[in-house]
N, C-alpha and C. Protein backbone atom coordinates (compact mmCIF):
# COMPACT_ATOMS: atom_id res chain seq x y z
N MET A 1 -10.34 2.21 4.35
CA MET A 1 -11.42 1.90 3.43
C MET A 1 -10.86 1.75 2.01
N ASN A 2 -11.67 1.18 1.17
CA ASN A 2 -11.25 1.04 -0.22
C ASN A 2 -11.53 2.32 -0.99
N GLY A 3 -11.30 2.31 -2.29
CA GLY A 3 -11.44 3.49 -3.13
C GLY A 3 -12.84 3.71 -3.67
N THR A 4 -13.87 3.21 -2.99
CA THR A 4 -15.23 3.40 -3.46
C THR A 4 -15.97 4.33 -2.52
N CYS A 5 -16.29 5.51 -3.01
CA CYS A 5 -17.02 6.49 -2.21
C CYS A 5 -18.48 6.06 -2.13
N ILE A 6 -19.03 6.05 -0.91
CA ILE A 6 -20.42 5.65 -0.73
C ILE A 6 -21.32 6.84 -0.38
N CYS A 7 -20.81 8.04 -0.53
CA CYS A 7 -21.61 9.23 -0.27
C CYS A 7 -22.70 9.38 -1.33
N ARG A 8 -23.76 10.08 -0.97
CA ARG A 8 -24.87 10.28 -1.90
C ARG A 8 -24.38 10.90 -3.20
N PHE A 9 -23.56 11.92 -3.11
CA PHE A 9 -22.90 12.53 -4.27
C PHE A 9 -21.43 12.15 -4.15
N ARG A 10 -20.93 11.41 -5.13
CA ARG A 10 -19.57 10.88 -5.05
C ARG A 10 -18.53 11.98 -4.89
N TRP A 11 -17.60 11.73 -3.98
CA TRP A 11 -16.46 12.60 -3.70
C TRP A 11 -16.91 14.04 -3.45
N PRO A 12 -17.78 14.28 -2.46
CA PRO A 12 -18.29 15.64 -2.23
C PRO A 12 -17.21 16.63 -1.78
N ARG A 13 -16.30 16.18 -0.94
CA ARG A 13 -15.16 16.99 -0.47
C ARG A 13 -13.99 16.06 -0.27
N LEU A 14 -12.82 16.53 -0.61
CA LEU A 14 -11.62 15.73 -0.47
C LEU A 14 -10.62 16.44 0.42
N TYR A 15 -9.79 15.64 1.08
CA TYR A 15 -8.70 16.23 1.87
C TYR A 15 -7.48 15.32 1.80
N ALA A 16 -6.34 15.91 2.09
CA ALA A 16 -5.08 15.17 2.19
C ALA A 16 -4.40 15.59 3.48
N LEU A 17 -3.75 14.65 4.13
CA LEU A 17 -2.95 14.95 5.31
C LEU A 17 -1.50 15.09 4.88
N ILE A 18 -0.95 16.27 5.06
CA ILE A 18 0.43 16.55 4.66
C ILE A 18 1.16 17.05 5.90
N ASP A 19 2.11 16.27 6.36
CA ASP A 19 2.88 16.58 7.57
C ASP A 19 1.96 16.88 8.75
N GLY A 20 0.89 16.09 8.88
CA GLY A 20 -0.02 16.22 10.01
C GLY A 20 -1.04 17.33 9.89
N VAL A 21 -1.03 18.05 8.77
CA VAL A 21 -1.98 19.14 8.55
C VAL A 21 -2.98 18.71 7.48
N ARG A 22 -4.26 18.95 7.73
CA ARG A 22 -5.31 18.57 6.79
C ARG A 22 -5.53 19.69 5.77
N TYR A 23 -5.38 19.36 4.48
CA TYR A 23 -5.57 20.32 3.40
C TYR A 23 -6.76 19.91 2.54
N GLU A 24 -7.54 20.88 2.12
CA GLU A 24 -8.63 20.63 1.18
C GLU A 24 -8.00 20.45 -0.20
N VAL A 25 -8.43 19.41 -0.90
CA VAL A 25 -7.93 19.16 -2.26
C VAL A 25 -9.12 18.98 -3.20
N GLU A 26 -8.83 19.05 -4.50
CA GLU A 26 -9.85 18.88 -5.52
C GLU A 26 -9.30 18.04 -6.65
N PRO A 27 -10.19 17.39 -7.41
CA PRO A 27 -9.72 16.57 -8.54
C PRO A 27 -8.91 17.40 -9.53
N ALA A 28 -7.95 16.75 -10.17
CA ALA A 28 -7.12 17.38 -11.20
C ALA A 28 -7.11 16.48 -12.43
N GLU A 29 -6.81 17.06 -13.57
CA GLU A 29 -6.79 16.30 -14.81
C GLU A 29 -5.59 15.37 -14.91
N ALA A 30 -4.50 15.74 -14.28
CA ALA A 30 -3.28 14.93 -14.33
C ALA A 30 -2.62 14.96 -12.96
N ASP A 31 -1.71 14.03 -12.74
CA ASP A 31 -1.00 14.00 -11.46
C ASP A 31 -0.29 15.32 -11.20
N THR A 32 -0.25 15.68 -9.95
CA THR A 32 0.47 16.86 -9.49
C THR A 32 1.55 16.37 -8.52
N PRO A 33 2.51 17.21 -8.17
CA PRO A 33 3.50 16.77 -7.18
C PRO A 33 2.83 16.32 -5.88
N THR A 34 1.76 17.00 -5.49
CA THR A 34 1.06 16.63 -4.26
C THR A 34 0.42 15.25 -4.38
N SER A 35 -0.28 14.99 -5.50
CA SER A 35 -0.94 13.69 -5.63
C SER A 35 0.04 12.56 -5.87
N ALA A 36 1.25 12.90 -6.33
CA ALA A 36 2.27 11.87 -6.51
C ALA A 36 2.88 11.44 -5.17
N LEU A 37 2.86 12.32 -4.19
CA LEU A 37 3.51 12.04 -2.91
C LEU A 37 2.55 11.68 -1.77
N PHE A 38 1.30 12.13 -1.86
CA PHE A 38 0.36 11.95 -0.76
C PHE A 38 -0.91 11.28 -1.23
N ARG A 39 -1.72 10.84 -0.27
CA ARG A 39 -3.02 10.25 -0.55
C ARG A 39 -4.10 11.26 -0.22
N ALA A 40 -5.24 11.11 -0.89
CA ALA A 40 -6.41 11.94 -0.59
C ALA A 40 -7.54 11.04 -0.13
N TRP A 41 -8.45 11.63 0.63
CA TRP A 41 -9.55 10.88 1.22
C TRP A 41 -10.84 11.67 1.07
N CYS A 42 -11.97 10.95 1.01
CA CYS A 42 -13.28 11.57 1.00
C CYS A 42 -13.59 12.04 2.42
N ALA A 43 -13.96 13.30 2.56
CA ALA A 43 -14.28 13.83 3.88
C ALA A 43 -15.61 13.28 4.41
N GLY A 44 -16.45 12.77 3.52
CA GLY A 44 -17.75 12.25 3.94
C GLY A 44 -17.70 10.84 4.48
N CYS A 45 -17.09 9.92 3.70
CA CYS A 45 -17.12 8.51 4.09
C CYS A 45 -15.75 7.92 4.40
N GLY A 46 -14.68 8.66 4.11
CA GLY A 46 -13.34 8.18 4.41
C GLY A 46 -12.70 7.31 3.35
N ALA A 47 -13.34 7.16 2.18
CA ALA A 47 -12.77 6.34 1.11
C ALA A 47 -11.52 7.01 0.54
N GLU A 48 -10.54 6.20 0.17
CA GLU A 48 -9.34 6.74 -0.44
C GLU A 48 -9.64 7.17 -1.87
N TYR A 49 -9.22 8.38 -2.22
CA TYR A 49 -9.39 8.92 -3.57
C TYR A 49 -8.13 8.57 -4.34
N THR A 50 -8.26 7.71 -5.32
CA THR A 50 -7.08 7.17 -6.01
C THR A 50 -6.81 7.84 -7.35
N TYR A 51 -7.35 9.01 -7.55
CA TYR A 51 -7.19 9.75 -8.81
C TYR A 51 -6.32 10.98 -8.56
N PRO A 52 -5.87 11.65 -9.62
CA PRO A 52 -5.05 12.86 -9.44
C PRO A 52 -5.84 13.96 -8.71
N PHE A 53 -5.13 14.72 -7.90
CA PHE A 53 -5.74 15.83 -7.18
C PHE A 53 -4.74 16.94 -6.99
N ARG A 54 -5.24 18.11 -6.60
CA ARG A 54 -4.38 19.25 -6.30
C ARG A 54 -4.93 19.95 -5.08
N THR A 55 -4.09 20.69 -4.39
CA THR A 55 -4.56 21.43 -3.23
C THR A 55 -5.40 22.61 -3.71
N VAL A 56 -6.35 23.01 -2.88
CA VAL A 56 -7.22 24.13 -3.20
C VAL A 56 -6.53 25.40 -2.72
N ALA A 57 -6.37 26.36 -3.61
CA ALA A 57 -5.75 27.62 -3.25
C ALA A 57 -6.65 28.37 -2.26
N ALA A 58 -6.06 29.03 -1.28
CA ALA A 58 -6.83 29.71 -0.24
C ALA A 58 -7.79 30.73 -0.82
N GLN A 59 -7.40 31.44 -1.88
CA GLN A 59 -8.26 32.48 -2.42
C GLN A 59 -9.46 31.92 -3.19
N THR A 60 -9.47 30.61 -3.54
CA THR A 60 -10.61 30.06 -4.28
C THR A 60 -11.63 29.44 -3.36
N ARG A 61 -11.34 29.30 -2.08
CA ARG A 61 -12.29 28.72 -1.13
C ARG A 61 -13.36 29.74 -0.76
N ALA A 62 -14.59 29.26 -0.64
CA ALA A 62 -15.69 30.13 -0.23
C ALA A 62 -15.55 30.49 1.24
N ALA A 63 -15.97 31.68 1.57
CA ALA A 63 -15.86 32.14 2.96
C ALA A 63 -16.90 31.52 3.83
């Protein structure tokens, strides 16, 4: 898909596939090593997220 999210709320959840493992990611203000090497996708509609992102730390995720 292209880089246009068609979800009701744009970019509701993002993920990146890194070495076959799916990681939750979130927008970042600037490029990170992860966003420089990998692509991120919208978990809702599958659109490619073409902006900087970072992985979500395990301790910040809601249970």
